[in-house]
Amino acid sequence: MSAHENAREGYDFAHPLPLPLLAGTFVVLTMLTILTVAQASFEFGSIDVLIVMVIATVKAILVGAIFMHLAWDKPFNIICFIGSFVFVGLFIMFTLFDSRATVKDDIPILDDGIVTASAEK
């Protein structure tokens, strides 16, 4: 028995892609990288991180779908890939919530207990 006889229909090991699709994906990824670098020179305030994360997510989806062949793979693998993005997004979101809750500006500083050397004399 060969490996092809054991493989399910439509899920072969190798999936050849046309060269224009690969080149087009490369061009789009390069443009998105240039867009990320260009975005760093502008001040968008509090949505800077959101813009960069959206661009990075689009790039990761392109890499996963085209170069990792997830667009032609089993649906379970796509669900796992998307689920990992959801959990990473949740972890980043909870980390940002926690970092904003512990900003040093929000911690009150009491000067009552501070004694200087000149006050002791």
PDB file of N, CA and C in Angstrom:
ATOM      1  N   MET A   1       0.824  -1.187   0.000  1.00  0.00           N
ATOM      2  CA  MET A   1       0.000   0.000   0.000  1.00  0.00           C
ATOM      3  C   MET A   1       0.863   1.243   0.000  1.00  0.00           C
ATOM      4  N   SER A   2       0.554   2.158  -0.818  1.00  0.00           N
ATOM      5  CA  SER A   2       1.316   3.404  -0.848  1.00  0.00           C
ATOM      6  C   SER A   2       0.659   4.426   0.071  1.00  0.00           C
ATOM      7  N   ALA A   3       1.361   5.511   0.287  1.00  0.00           N
ATOM      8  CA  ALA A   3       0.846   6.564   1.168  1.00  0.00           C
ATOM      9  C   ALA A   3      -0.390   7.222   0.570  1.00  0.00           C
ATOM     10  N   HIS A   4      -0.492   7.208  -0.752  1.00  0.00           N
ATOM     11  CA  HIS A   4      -1.631   7.845  -1.409  1.00  0.00           C
ATOM     12  C   HIS A   4      -2.915   7.044  -1.213  1.00  0.00           C
ATOM     13  N   GLU A   5      -2.789   5.743  -1.046  1.00  0.00           N
ATOM     14  CA  GLU A   5      -3.977   4.935  -0.833  1.00  0.00           C
ATOM     15  C   GLU A   5      -4.547   5.154   0.561  1.00  0.00           C
ATOM     16  N   ASN A   6      -3.681   5.480   1.539  1.00  0.00           N
ATOM     17  CA  ASN A   6      -4.138   5.711   2.895  1.00  0.00           C
ATOM     18  C   ASN A   6      -4.651   7.126   3.102  1.00  0.00           C
ATOM     19  N   ALA A   7      -4.274   8.040   2.245  1.00  0.00           N
ATOM     20  CA  ALA A   7      -4.677   9.446   2.393  1.00  0.00           C
ATOM     21  C   ALA A   7      -6.139   9.595   2.008  1.00  0.00           C
ATOM     22  N   ARG A   8      -6.824  10.459   2.752  1.00  0.00           N
ATOM     23  CA  ARG A   8      -8.224  10.727   2.417  1.00  0.00           C
ATOM     24  C   ARG A   8      -8.284  11.596   1.167  1.00  0.00           C
ATOM     25  N   GLU A   9      -9.400  11.549   0.516  1.00  0.00           N
ATOM     26  CA  GLU A   9      -9.576  12.285  -0.730  1.00  0.00           C
ATOM     27  C   GLU A   9      -9.479  13.792  -0.484  1.00  0.00           C
ATOM     28  N   GLY A  10      -8.629  14.472  -1.226  1.00  0.00           N
ATOM     29  CA  GLY A  10      -8.494  15.914  -1.130  1.00  0.00           C
ATOM     30  C   GLY A  10      -7.482  16.382  -0.102  1.00  0.00           C
ATOM     31  N   TYR A  11      -6.870  15.470   0.626  1.00  0.00           N
ATOM     32  CA  TYR A  11      -5.915  15.860   1.667  1.00  0.00           C
ATOM     33  C   TYR A  11      -4.566  15.196   1.410  1.00  0.00           C
ATOM     34  N   ASP A  12      -4.002  15.450   0.261  1.00  0.00           N
ATOM     35  CA  ASP A  12      -2.688  14.908  -0.052  1.00  0.00           C
ATOM     36  C   ASP A  12      -1.630  15.623   0.758  1.00  0.00           C
ATOM     37  N   PHE A  13      -0.463  15.026   0.818  1.00  0.00           N
ATOM     38  CA  PHE A  13       0.631  15.602   1.596  1.00  0.00           C
ATOM     39  C   PHE A  13       1.107  16.914   0.981  1.00  0.00           C
ATOM     40  N   ALA A  14       1.363  16.914  -0.308  1.00  0.00           N
ATOM     41  CA  ALA A  14       1.875  18.116  -0.971  1.00  0.00           C
ATOM     42  C   ALA A  14       0.745  18.810  -1.724  1.00  0.00           C
ATOM     43  N   HIS A  15       0.727  20.112  -1.633  1.00  0.00           N
ATOM     44  CA  HIS A  15      -0.266  20.899  -2.367  1.00  0.00           C
ATOM     45  C   HIS A  15       0.484  21.972  -3.136  1.00  0.00           C
ATOM     46  N   PRO A  16       0.741  21.743  -4.410  1.00  0.00           N
ATOM     47  CA  PRO A  16       1.488  22.745  -5.183  1.00  0.00           C
ATOM     48  C   PRO A  16       0.663  24.006  -5.393  1.00  0.00           C
ATOM     49  N   LEU A  17       1.320  25.126  -5.238  1.00  0.00           N
ATOM     50  CA  LEU A  17       0.663  26.416  -5.423  1.00  0.00           C
ATOM     51  C   LEU A  17       1.237  27.107  -6.652  1.00  0.00           C
ATOM     52  N   PRO A  18       0.397  27.836  -7.361  1.00  0.00           N
ATOM     53  CA  PRO A  18       0.905  28.572  -8.531  1.00  0.00           C
ATOM     54  C   PRO A  18       1.851  29.689  -8.087  1.00  0.00           C
ATOM     55  N   LEU A  19       2.854  29.921  -8.873  1.00  0.00           N
ATOM     56  CA  LEU A  19       3.861  30.927  -8.570  1.00  0.00           C
ATOM     57  C   LEU A  19       3.283  32.343  -8.453  1.00  0.00           C
ATOM     58  N   PRO A  20       2.308  32.745  -9.276  1.00  0.00           N
ATOM     59  CA  PRO A  20       1.739  34.090  -9.105  1.00  0.00           C
ATOM     60  C   PRO A  20       1.059  34.284  -7.741  1.00  0.00           C
ATOM     61  N   LEU A  21       0.451  33.235  -7.199  1.00  0.00           N
ATOM     62  CA  LEU A  21      -0.168  33.340  -5.884  1.00  0.00           C
ATOM     63  C   LEU A  21       0.893  33.533  -4.803  1.00  0.00           C
ATOM     64  N   LEU A  22       1.966  32.800  -4.884  1.00  0.00           N
ATOM     65  CA  LEU A  22       3.052  32.959  -3.916  1.00  0.00           C
ATOM     66  C   LEU A  22       3.714  34.325  -4.042  1.00  0.00           C
ATOM     67  N   ALA A  23       3.949  34.768  -5.258  1.00  0.00           N
ATOM     68  CA  ALA A  23       4.567  36.082  -5.462  1.00  0.00           C
ATOM     69  C   ALA A  23       3.628  37.200  -5.011  1.00  0.00           C
ATOM     70  N   GLY A  24       2.348  37.064  -5.284  1.00  0.00           N
ATOM     71  CA  GLY A  24       1.382  38.065  -4.846  1.00  0.00           C
ATOM     72  C   GLY A  24       1.292  38.136  -3.328  1.00  0.00           C
ATOM     73  N   THR A  25       1.332  36.980  -2.670  1.00  0.00           N
ATOM     74  CA  THR A  25       1.320  36.953  -1.208  1.00  0.00           C
ATOM     75  C   THR A  25       2.568  37.621  -0.654  1.00  0.00           C
ATOM     76  N   PHE A  26       3.710  37.366  -1.280  1.00  0.00           N
ATOM     77  CA  PHE A  26       4.951  38.003  -0.851  1.00  0.00           C
ATOM     78  C   PHE A  26       4.867  39.524  -0.989  1.00  0.00           C
ATOM     79  N   VAL A  27       4.305  39.994  -2.085  1.00  0.00           N
ATOM     80  CA  VAL A  27       4.174  41.441  -2.299  1.00  0.00           C
ATOM     81  C   VAL A  27       3.242  42.051  -1.250  1.00  0.00           C
ATOM     82  N   VAL A  28       2.128  41.394  -0.972  1.00  0.00           N
ATOM     83  CA  VAL A  28       1.190  41.914   0.035  1.00  0.00           C
ATOM     84  C   VAL A  28       1.853  41.940   1.413  1.00  0.00           C
ATOM     85  N   LEU A  29       2.588  40.889   1.765  1.00  0.00           N
ATOM     86  CA  LEU A  29       3.277  40.866   3.053  1.00  0.00           C
ATOM     87  C   LEU A  29       4.341  41.966   3.141  1.00  0.00           C
ATOM     88  N   THR A  30       5.031  42.215   2.041  1.00  0.00           N
ATOM     89  CA  THR A  30       6.027  43.276   2.022  1.00  0.00           C
ATOM     90  C   THR A  30       5.366  44.643   2.181  1.00  0.00           C
ATOM     91  N   MET A  31       4.254  44.850   1.511  1.00  0.00           N
ATOM     92  CA  MET A  31       3.527  46.125   1.633  1.00  0.00           C
ATOM     93  C   MET A  31       3.011  46.328   3.060  1.00  0.00           C
ATOM     94  N   LEU A  32       2.508  45.266   3.678  1.00  0.00           N
ATOM     95  CA  LEU A  32       2.030  45.380   5.053  1.00  0.00           C
ATOM     96  C   LEU A  32       3.181  45.669   6.016  1.00  0.00           C
ATOM     97  N   THR A  33       4.357  45.130   5.745  1.00  0.00           N
ATOM     98  CA  THR A  33       5.528  45.447   6.571  1.00  0.00           C
ATOM     99  C   THR A  33       5.919  46.913   6.414  1.00  0.00           C
ATOM    100  N   ILE A  34       5.892  47.412   5.196  1.00  0.00           N
ATOM    101  CA  ILE A  34       6.174  48.836   4.959  1.00  0.00           C
ATOM    102  C   ILE A  34       5.133  49.704   5.648  1.00  0.00           C
ATOM    103  N   LEU A  35       3.875  49.277   5.613  1.00  0.00           N
ATOM    104  CA  LEU A  35       2.810  50.011   6.299  1.00  0.00           C
ATOM    105  C   LEU A  35       3.031  50.037   7.813  1.00  0.00           C
ATOM    106  N   THR A  36       3.505  48.937   8.371  1.00  0.00           N
ATOM    107  CA  THR A  36       3.805  48.891   9.807  1.00  0.00           C
ATOM    108  C   THR A  36       4.921  49.857  10.158  1.00  0.00           C
ATOM    109  N   VAL A  37       5.969  49.889   9.351  1.00  0.00           N
ATOM    110  CA  VAL A  37       7.089  50.806   9.602  1.00  0.00           C
ATOM    111  C   VAL A  37       6.636  52.258   9.433  1.00  0.00           C
ATOM    112  N   ALA A  38       5.829  52.522   8.421  1.00  0.00           N
ATOM    113  CA  ALA A  38       5.339  53.889   8.195  1.00  0.00           C
ATOM    114  C   ALA A  38       4.418  54.335   9.321  1.00  0.00           C
ATOM    115  N   GLN A  39       3.648  53.426   9.866  1.00  0.00           N
ATOM    116  CA  GLN A  39       2.736  53.759  10.961  1.00  0.00           C
ATOM    117  C   GLN A  39       3.493  54.228  12.191  1.00  0.00           C
ATOM    118  N   ALA A  40       4.696  53.752  12.385  1.00  0.00           N
ATOM    119  CA  ALA A  40       5.478  54.126  13.563  1.00  0.00           C
ATOM    120  C   ALA A  40       5.861  55.608  13.546  1.00  0.00           C
ATOM    121  N   SER A  41       5.867  56.241  12.378  1.00  0.00           N
ATOM    122  CA  SER A  41       6.256  57.649  12.311  1.00  0.00           C
ATOM    123  C   SER A  41       5.078  58.599  12.554  1.00  0.00           C
ATOM    124  N   PHE A  42       3.877  58.059  12.691  1.00  0.00           N
ATOM    125  CA  PHE A  42       2.701  58.880  12.969  1.00  0.00           C
ATOM    126  C   PHE A  42       2.229  58.632  14.390  1.00  0.00           C
ATOM    127  N   GLU A  43       1.589  59.632  14.969  1.00  0.00           N
ATOM    128  CA  GLU A  43       1.066  59.516  16.327  1.00  0.00           C
ATOM    129  C   GLU A  43      -0.455  59.356  16.257  1.00  0.00           C
ATOM    130  N   PHE A  44      -0.924  58.149  16.584  1.00  0.00           N
ATOM    131  CA  PHE A  44      -2.351  57.868  16.571  1.00  0.00           C
ATOM    132  C   PHE A  44      -2.931  57.769  17.977  1.00  0.00           C
ATOM    133  N   GLY A  45      -2.139  58.079  18.967  1.00  0.00           N
ATOM    134  CA  GLY A  45      -2.616  58.053  20.343  1.00  0.00           C
ATOM    135  C   GLY A  45      -2.748  56.648  20.878  1.00  0.00           C
ATOM    136  N   SER A  46      -3.891  56.389  21.477  1.00  0.00           N
ATOM    137  CA  SER A  46      -4.073  55.104  22.150  1.00  0.00           C
ATOM    138  C   SER A  46      -4.380  53.962  21.193  1.00  0.00           C
ATOM    139  N   ILE A  47      -4.628  54.246  19.923  1.00  0.00           N
ATOM    140  CA  ILE A  47      -4.933  53.152  18.992  1.00  0.00           C
ATOM    141  C   ILE A  47      -3.704  52.674  18.221  1.00  0.00           C
ATOM    142  N   ASP A  48      -2.522  53.156  18.585  1.00  0.00           N
ATOM    143  CA  ASP A  48      -1.286  52.693  17.939  1.00  0.00           C
ATOM    144  C   ASP A  48      -1.151  51.176  18.025  1.00  0.00           C
ATOM    145  N   VAL A  49      -1.336  50.653  19.214  1.00  0.00           N
ATOM    146  CA  VAL A  49      -1.189  49.210  19.421  1.00  0.00           C
ATOM    147  C   VAL A  49      -2.250  48.456  18.633  1.00  0.00           C
ATOM    148  N   LEU A  50      -3.455  48.972  18.596  1.00  0.00           N
ATOM    149  CA  LEU A  50      -4.529  48.315  17.856  1.00  0.00           C
ATOM    150  C   LEU A  50      -4.208  48.240  16.366  1.00  0.00           C
ATOM    151  N   ILE A  51      -3.703  49.321  15.808  1.00  0.00           N
ATOM    152  CA  ILE A  51      -3.354  49.343  14.376  1.00  0.00           C
ATOM    153  C   ILE A  51      -2.264  48.327  14.068  1.00  0.00           C
ATOM    154  N   VAL A  52      -1.228  48.315  14.889  1.00  0.00           N
ATOM    155  CA  VAL A  52      -0.113  47.384  14.658  1.00  0.00           C
ATOM    156  C   VAL A  52      -0.575  45.938  14.819  1.00  0.00           C
ATOM    157  N   MET A  53      -1.427  45.673  15.801  1.00  0.00           N
ATOM    158  CA  MET A  53      -1.904  44.306  16.012  1.00  0.00           C
ATOM    159  C   MET A  53      -2.814  43.845  14.876  1.00  0.00           C
ATOM    160  N   VAL A  54      -3.611  44.737  14.312  1.00  0.00           N
ATOM    161  CA  VAL A  54      -4.459  44.361  13.183  1.00  0.00           C
ATOM    162  C   VAL A  54      -3.597  44.029  11.968  1.00  0.00           C
ATOM    163  N   ILE A  55      -2.590  44.845  11.713  1.00  0.00           N
ATOM    164  CA  ILE A  55      -1.687  44.570  10.585  1.00  0.00           C
ATOM    165  C   ILE A  55      -0.961  43.244  10.792  1.00  0.00           C
ATOM    166  N   ALA A  56      -0.471  43.005  12.010  1.00  0.00           N
ATOM    167  CA  ALA A  56       0.229  41.751  12.301  1.00  0.00           C
ATOM    168  C   ALA A  56      -0.712  40.553  12.181  1.00  0.00           C
ATOM    169  N   THR A  57      -1.963  40.709  12.569  1.00  0.00           N
ATOM    170  CA  THR A  57      -2.925  39.613  12.453  1.00  0.00           C
ATOM    171  C   THR A  57      -3.213  39.289  10.996  1.00  0.00           C
ATOM    172  N   VAL A  58      -3.356  40.306  10.173  1.00  0.00           N
ATOM    173  CA  VAL A  58      -3.585  40.081   8.739  1.00  0.00           C
ATOM    174  C   VAL A  58      -2.380  39.361   8.127  1.00  0.00           C
ATOM    175  N   LYS A  59      -1.184  39.779   8.508  1.00  0.00           N
ATOM    176  CA  LYS A  59       0.022  39.121   7.990  1.00  0.00           C
ATOM    177  C   LYS A  59       0.093  37.664   8.438  1.00  0.00           C
ATOM    178  N   ALA A  60      -0.241  37.394   9.692  1.00  0.00           N
ATOM    179  CA  ALA A  60      -0.204  36.026  10.187  1.00  0.00           C
ATOM    180  C   ALA A  60      -1.253  35.155   9.509  1.00  0.00           C
ATOM    181  N   ILE A  61      -2.417  35.699   9.248  1.00  0.00           N
ATOM    182  CA  ILE A  61      -3.455  34.936   8.553  1.00  0.00           C
ATOM    183  C   ILE A  61      -3.024  34.626   7.123  1.00  0.00           C
ATOM    184  N   LEU A  62      -2.397  35.583   6.454  1.00  0.00           N
ATOM    185  CA  LEU A  62      -1.889  35.321   5.098  1.00  0.00           C
ATOM    186  C   LEU A  62      -0.828  34.230   5.097  1.00  0.00           C
ATOM    187  N   VAL A  63       0.099  34.315   6.035  1.00  0.00           N
ATOM    188  CA  VAL A  63       1.154  33.296   6.105  1.00  0.00           C
ATOM    189  C   VAL A  63       0.551  31.931   6.402  1.00  0.00           C
ATOM    190  N   GLY A  64      -0.379  31.886   7.345  1.00  0.00           N
ATOM    191  CA  GLY A  64      -1.004  30.608   7.686  1.00  0.00           C
ATOM    192  C   GLY A  64      -1.824  30.038   6.541  1.00  0.00           C
ATOM    193  N   ALA A  65      -2.599  30.883   5.892  1.00  0.00           N
ATOM    194  CA  ALA A  65      -3.482  30.402   4.832  1.00  0.00           C
ATOM    195  C   ALA A  65      -2.726  29.985   3.580  1.00  0.00           C
ATOM    196  N   ILE A  66      -1.742  30.770   3.180  1.00  0.00           N
ATOM    197  CA  ILE A  66      -1.063  30.496   1.906  1.00  0.00           C
ATOM    198  C   ILE A  66       0.178  29.633   2.101  1.00  0.00           C
ATOM    199  N   PHE A  67       1.136  30.108   2.902  1.00  0.00           N
ATOM    200  CA  PHE A  67       2.411  29.400   3.023  1.00  0.00           C
ATOM    201  C   PHE A  67       2.314  28.127   3.849  1.00  0.00           C
ATOM    202  N   MET A  68       1.406  28.102   4.829  1.00  0.00           N
ATOM    203  CA  MET A  68       1.218  26.890   5.629  1.00  0.00           C
ATOM    204  C   MET A  68       0.092  26.020   5.079  1.00  0.00           C
ATOM    205  N   HIS A  69      -0.500  26.428   3.979  1.00  0.00           N
ATOM    206  CA  HIS A  69      -1.527  25.667   3.254  1.00  0.00           C
ATOM    207  C   HIS A  69      -2.781  25.421   4.089  1.00  0.00           C
ATOM    208  N   LEU A  70      -3.083  26.276   5.051  1.00  0.00           N
ATOM    209  CA  LEU A  70      -4.286  26.086   5.856  1.00  0.00           C
ATOM    210  C   LEU A  70      -5.559  26.330   5.058  1.00  0.00           C
ATOM    211  N   ALA A  71      -5.477  27.079   3.996  1.00  0.00           N
ATOM    212  CA  ALA A  71      -6.660  27.320   3.163  1.00  0.00           C
ATOM    213  C   ALA A  71      -7.132  26.041   2.481  1.00  0.00           C
ATOM    214  N   TRP A  72      -6.255  25.075   2.343  1.00  0.00           N
ATOM    215  CA  TRP A  72      -6.597  23.822   1.684  1.00  0.00           C
ATOM    216  C   TRP A  72      -6.504  22.637   2.630  1.00  0.00           C
ATOM    217  N   ASP A  73      -6.411  22.894   3.918  1.00  0.00           N
ATOM    218  CA  ASP A  73      -6.209  21.835   4.898  1.00  0.00           C
ATOM    219  C   ASP A  73      -7.529  21.430   5.537  1.00  0.00           C
ATOM    220  N   LYS A  74      -7.446  20.512   6.484  1.00  0.00           N
ATOM    221  CA  LYS A  74      -8.627  20.041   7.202  1.00  0.00           C
ATOM    222  C   LYS A  74      -9.204  21.176   8.040  1.00  0.00           C
ATOM    223  N   PRO A  75     -10.509  21.242   8.165  1.00  0.00           N
ATOM    224  CA  PRO A  75     -11.128  22.316   8.955  1.00  0.00           C
ATOM    225  C   PRO A  75     -10.699  22.326  10.422  1.00  0.00           C
ATOM    226  N   PHE A  76     -10.390  21.176  10.990  1.00  0.00           N
ATOM    227  CA  PHE A  76      -9.961  21.128  12.387  1.00  0.00           C
ATOM    228  C   PHE A  76      -8.670  21.915  12.588  1.00  0.00           C
ATOM    229  N   ASN A  77      -7.749  21.833  11.656  1.00  0.00           N
ATOM    230  CA  ASN A  77      -6.489  22.575  11.766  1.00  0.00           C
ATOM    231  C   ASN A  77      -6.728  24.082  11.688  1.00  0.00           C
ATOM    232  N   ILE A  78      -7.672  24.495  10.874  1.00  0.00           N
ATOM    233  CA  ILE A  78      -8.003  25.917  10.775  1.00  0.00           C
ATOM    234  C   ILE A  78      -8.627  26.400  12.074  1.00  0.00           C
ATOM    235  N   ILE A  79      -9.497  25.579  12.664  1.00  0.00           N
ATOM    236  CA  ILE A  79     -10.110  25.944  13.942  1.00  0.00           C
ATOM    237  C   ILE A  79      -9.050  26.081  15.029  1.00  0.00           C
ATOM    238  N   CYS A  80      -8.094  25.178  15.066  1.00  0.00           N
ATOM    239  CA  CYS A  80      -6.996  25.268  16.050  1.00  0.00           C
ATOM    240  C   CYS A  80      -6.165  26.526  15.835  1.00  0.00           C
ATOM    241  N   PHE A  81      -5.886  26.862  14.586  1.00  0.00           N
ATOM    242  CA  PHE A  81      -5.098  28.049  14.272  1.00  0.00           C
ATOM    243  C   PHE A  81      -5.825  29.317  14.696  1.00  0.00           C
ATOM    244  N   ILE A  82      -7.100  29.416  14.368  1.00  0.00           N
ATOM    245  CA  ILE A  82      -7.881  30.596  14.749  1.00  0.00           C
ATOM    246  C   ILE A  82      -8.068  30.648  16.265  1.00  0.00           C
ATOM    247  N   GLY A  83      -8.286  29.500  16.874  1.00  0.00           N
ATOM    248  CA  GLY A  83      -8.424  29.449  18.329  1.00  0.00           C
ATOM    249  C   GLY A  83      -7.183  29.923  19.047  1.00  0.00           C
ATOM    250  N   SER A  84      -6.015  29.628  18.499  1.00  0.00           N
ATOM    251  CA  SER A  84      -4.778  30.104  19.128  1.00  0.00           C
ATOM    252  C   SER A  84      -4.694  31.626  19.065  1.00  0.00           C
ATOM    253  N   PHE A  85      -5.166  32.229  17.977  1.00  0.00           N
ATOM    254  CA  PHE A  85      -5.195  33.694  17.894  1.00  0.00           C
ATOM    255  C   PHE A  85      -6.157  34.279  18.923  1.00  0.00           C
ATOM    256  N   VAL A  86      -7.293  33.632  19.103  1.00  0.00           N
ATOM    257  CA  VAL A  86      -8.264  34.128  20.081  1.00  0.00           C
ATOM    258  C   VAL A  86      -7.659  34.109  21.483  1.00  0.00           C
ATOM    259  N   PHE A  87      -6.995  33.014  21.841  1.00  0.00           N
ATOM    260  CA  PHE A  87      -6.422  32.921  23.180  1.00  0.00           C
ATOM    261  C   PHE A  87      -5.247  33.874  23.371  1.00  0.00           C
ATOM    262  N   VAL A  88      -4.422  34.050  22.354  1.00  0.00           N
ATOM    263  CA  VAL A  88      -3.334  35.021  22.462  1.00  0.00           C
ATOM    264  C   VAL A  88      -3.905  36.427  22.617  1.00  0.00           C
ATOM    265  N   GLY A  89      -4.966  36.736  21.879  1.00  0.00           N
ATOM    266  CA  GLY A  89      -5.622  38.033  22.021  1.00  0.00           C
ATOM    267  C   GLY A  89      -6.183  38.236  23.416  1.00  0.00           C
ATOM    268  N   LEU A  90      -6.780  37.196  23.979  1.00  0.00           N
ATOM    269  CA  LEU A  90      -7.299  37.287  25.346  1.00  0.00           C
ATOM    270  C   LEU A  90      -6.177  37.519  26.347  1.00  0.00           C
ATOM    271  N   PHE A  91      -5.068  36.792  26.187  1.00  0.00           N
ATOM    272  CA  PHE A  91      -3.944  36.957  27.107  1.00  0.00           C
ATOM    273  C   PHE A  91      -3.373  38.366  27.031  1.00  0.00           C
ATOM    274  N   ILE A  92      -3.235  38.895  25.824  1.00  0.00           N
ATOM    275  CA  ILE A  92      -2.723  40.262  25.666  1.00  0.00           C
ATOM    276  C   ILE A  92      -3.699  41.265  26.257  1.00  0.00           C
ATOM    277  N   MET A  93      -4.996  41.043  26.040  1.00  0.00           N
ATOM    278  CA  MET A  93      -6.002  41.952  26.565  1.00  0.00           C
ATOM    279  C   MET A  93      -5.974  41.979  28.096  1.00  0.00           C
ATOM    280  N   PHE A  94      -5.909  40.822  28.734  1.00  0.00           N
ATOM    281  CA  PHE A  94      -5.862  40.776  30.198  1.00  0.00           C
ATOM    282  C   PHE A  94      -4.566  41.387  30.727  1.00  0.00           C
ATOM    283  N   THR A  95      -3.465  41.208  30.001  1.00  0.00           N
ATOM    284  CA  THR A  95      -2.200  41.813  30.414  1.00  0.00           C
ATOM    285  C   THR A  95      -2.282  43.334  30.331  1.00  0.00           C
ATOM    286  N   LEU A  96      -2.874  43.853  29.274  1.00  0.00           N
ATOM    287  CA  LEU A  96      -3.024  45.306  29.154  1.00  0.00           C
ATOM    288  C   LEU A  96      -3.949  45.863  30.233  1.00  0.00           C
ATOM    289  N   PHE A  97      -5.018  45.134  30.552  1.00  0.00           N
ATOM    290  CA  PHE A  97      -5.897  45.577  31.642  1.00  0.00           C
ATOM    291  C   PHE A  97      -5.128  45.641  32.954  1.00  0.00           C
ATOM    292  N   ASP A  98      -4.296  44.632  33.210  1.00  0.00           N
ATOM    293  CA  ASP A  98      -3.536  44.585  34.454  1.00  0.00           C
ATOM    294  C   ASP A  98      -2.474  45.675  34.489  1.00  0.00           C
ATOM    295  N   SER A  99      -1.821  45.932  33.372  1.00  0.00           N
ATOM    296  CA  SER A  99      -0.772  46.956  33.361  1.00  0.00           C
ATOM    297  C   SER A  99      -1.363  48.347  33.547  1.00  0.00           C
ATOM    298  N   ARG A 100      -2.568  48.576  33.068  1.00  0.00           N
ATOM    299  CA  ARG A 100      -3.209  49.873  33.280  1.00  0.00           C
ATOM    300  C   ARG A 100      -3.696  50.027  34.715  1.00  0.00           C
ATOM    301  N   ALA A 101      -3.990  48.928  35.375  1.00  0.00           N
ATOM    302  CA  ALA A 101      -4.462  48.993  36.762  1.00  0.00           C
ATOM    303  C   ALA A 101      -3.318  49.259  37.732  1.00  0.00           C
ATOM    304  N   THR A 102      -2.095  48.977  37.316  1.00  0.00           N
ATOM    305  CA  THR A 102      -0.956  49.147  38.219  1.00  0.00           C
ATOM    306  C   THR A 102      -0.002  50.245  37.762  1.00  0.00           C
ATOM    307  N   VAL A 103      -0.510  51.225  37.071  1.00  0.00           N
ATOM    308  CA  VAL A 103       0.316  52.349  36.638  1.00  0.00           C
ATOM    309  C   VAL A 103       0.764  53.123  37.877  1.00  0.00           C
ATOM    310  N   LYS A 104       2.003  53.570  37.913  1.00  0.00           N
ATOM    311  CA  LYS A 104       2.547  54.246  39.090  1.00  0.00           C
ATOM    312  C   LYS A 104       1.826  55.561  39.403  1.00  0.00           C
ATOM    313  N   ASP A 105       1.220  56.189  38.418  1.00  0.00           N
ATOM    314  CA  ASP A 105       0.504  57.443  38.661  1.00  0.00           C
ATOM    315  C   ASP A 105      -0.732  57.224  39.535  1.00  0.00           C
ATOM    316  N   ASP A 106      -1.261  56.012  39.534  1.00  0.00           N
ATOM    317  CA  ASP A 106      -2.457  55.727  40.311  1.00  0.00           C
ATOM    318  C   ASP A 106      -2.146  55.344  41.761  1.00  0.00           C
ATOM    319  N   ILE A 107      -0.889  55.110  42.084  1.00  0.00           N
ATOM    320  CA  ILE A 107      -0.514  54.695  43.435  1.00  0.00           C
ATOM    321  C   ILE A 107      -0.253  55.947  44.268  1.00  0.00           C
ATOM    322  N   PRO A 108      -1.005  56.135  45.368  1.00  0.00           N
ATOM    323  CA  PRO A 108      -0.777  57.331  46.179  1.00  0.00           C
ATOM    324  C   PRO A 108       0.555  57.252  46.926  1.00  0.00           C
ATOM    325  N   ILE A 109       1.251  58.364  46.989  1.00  0.00           N
ATOM    326  CA  ILE A 109       2.533  58.446  47.702  1.00  0.00           C
ATOM    327  C   ILE A 109       2.339  59.351  48.900  1.00  0.00           C
ATOM    328  N   LEU A 110       2.601  58.801  50.060  1.00  0.00           N
ATOM    329  CA  LEU A 110       2.461  59.560  51.292  1.00  0.00           C
ATOM    330  C   LEU A 110       3.839  60.041  51.732  1.00  0.00           C
ATOM    331  N   ASP A 111       3.975  61.326  51.931  1.00  0.00           N
ATOM    332  CA  ASP A 111       5.251  61.889  52.343  1.00  0.00           C
ATOM    333  C   ASP A 111       5.391  61.968  53.865  1.00  0.00           C
ATOM    334  N   ASP A 112       4.424  61.473  54.616  1.00  0.00           N
ATOM    335  CA  ASP A 112       4.444  61.592  56.073  1.00  0.00           C
ATOM    336  C   ASP A 112       5.612  60.836  56.698  1.00  0.00           C
ATOM    337  N   GLY A 113       5.911  59.676  56.188  1.00  0.00           N
ATOM    338  CA  GLY A 113       6.934  58.848  56.817  1.00  0.00           C
ATOM    339  C   GLY A 113       8.337  59.130  56.353  1.00  0.00           C
ATOM    340  N   ILE A 114       8.535  60.043  55.442  1.00  0.00           N
ATOM    341  CA  ILE A 114       9.861  60.346  54.905  1.00  0.00           C
ATOM    342  C   ILE A 114      10.498  61.411  55.783  1.00  0.00           C
ATOM    343  N   VAL A 115      11.625  61.058  56.352  1.00  0.00           N
ATOM    344  CA  VAL A 115      12.354  61.988  57.210  1.00  0.00           C
ATOM    345  C   VAL A 115      13.670  62.295  56.532  1.00  0.00           C
ATOM    346  N   THR A 116      13.960  63.554  56.362  1.00  0.00           N
ATOM    347  CA  THR A 116      15.203  63.942  55.727  1.00  0.00           C
ATOM    348  C   THR A 116      16.289  64.117  56.775  1.00  0.00           C
ATOM    349  N   ALA A 117      17.511  64.135  56.346  1.00  0.00           N
ATOM    350  CA  ALA A 117      18.651  64.268  57.262  1.00  0.00           C
ATOM    351  C   ALA A 117      18.672  65.620  57.915  1.00  0.00           C
ATOM    352  N   SER A 118      18.224  66.660  57.235  1.00  0.00           N
ATOM    353  CA  SER A 118      18.249  68.004  57.811  1.00  0.00           C
ATOM    354  C   SER A 118      17.143  68.165  58.878  1.00  0.00           C
ATOM    355  N   ALA A 119      16.064  67.408  58.772  1.00  0.00           N
ATOM    356  CA  ALA A 119      14.991  67.519  59.745  1.00  0.00           C
ATOM    357  C   ALA A 119      15.344  66.828  61.050  1.00  0.00           C
ATOM    358  N   GLU A 120      16.264  65.874  61.015  1.00  0.00           N
ATOM    359  CA  GLU A 120      16.632  65.144  62.231  1.00  0.00           C
ATOM    360  C   GLU A 120      17.536  65.996  63.137  1.00  0.00           C
ATOM    361  N   LYS A 121      18.279  66.941  62.626  1.00  0.00           N
ATOM    362  CA  LYS A 121      19.243  67.711  63.392  1.00  0.00           C
ATOM    363  C   LYS A 121      18.626  68.807  64.159  1.00  0.00           C
TER     364      LYS A 121
END
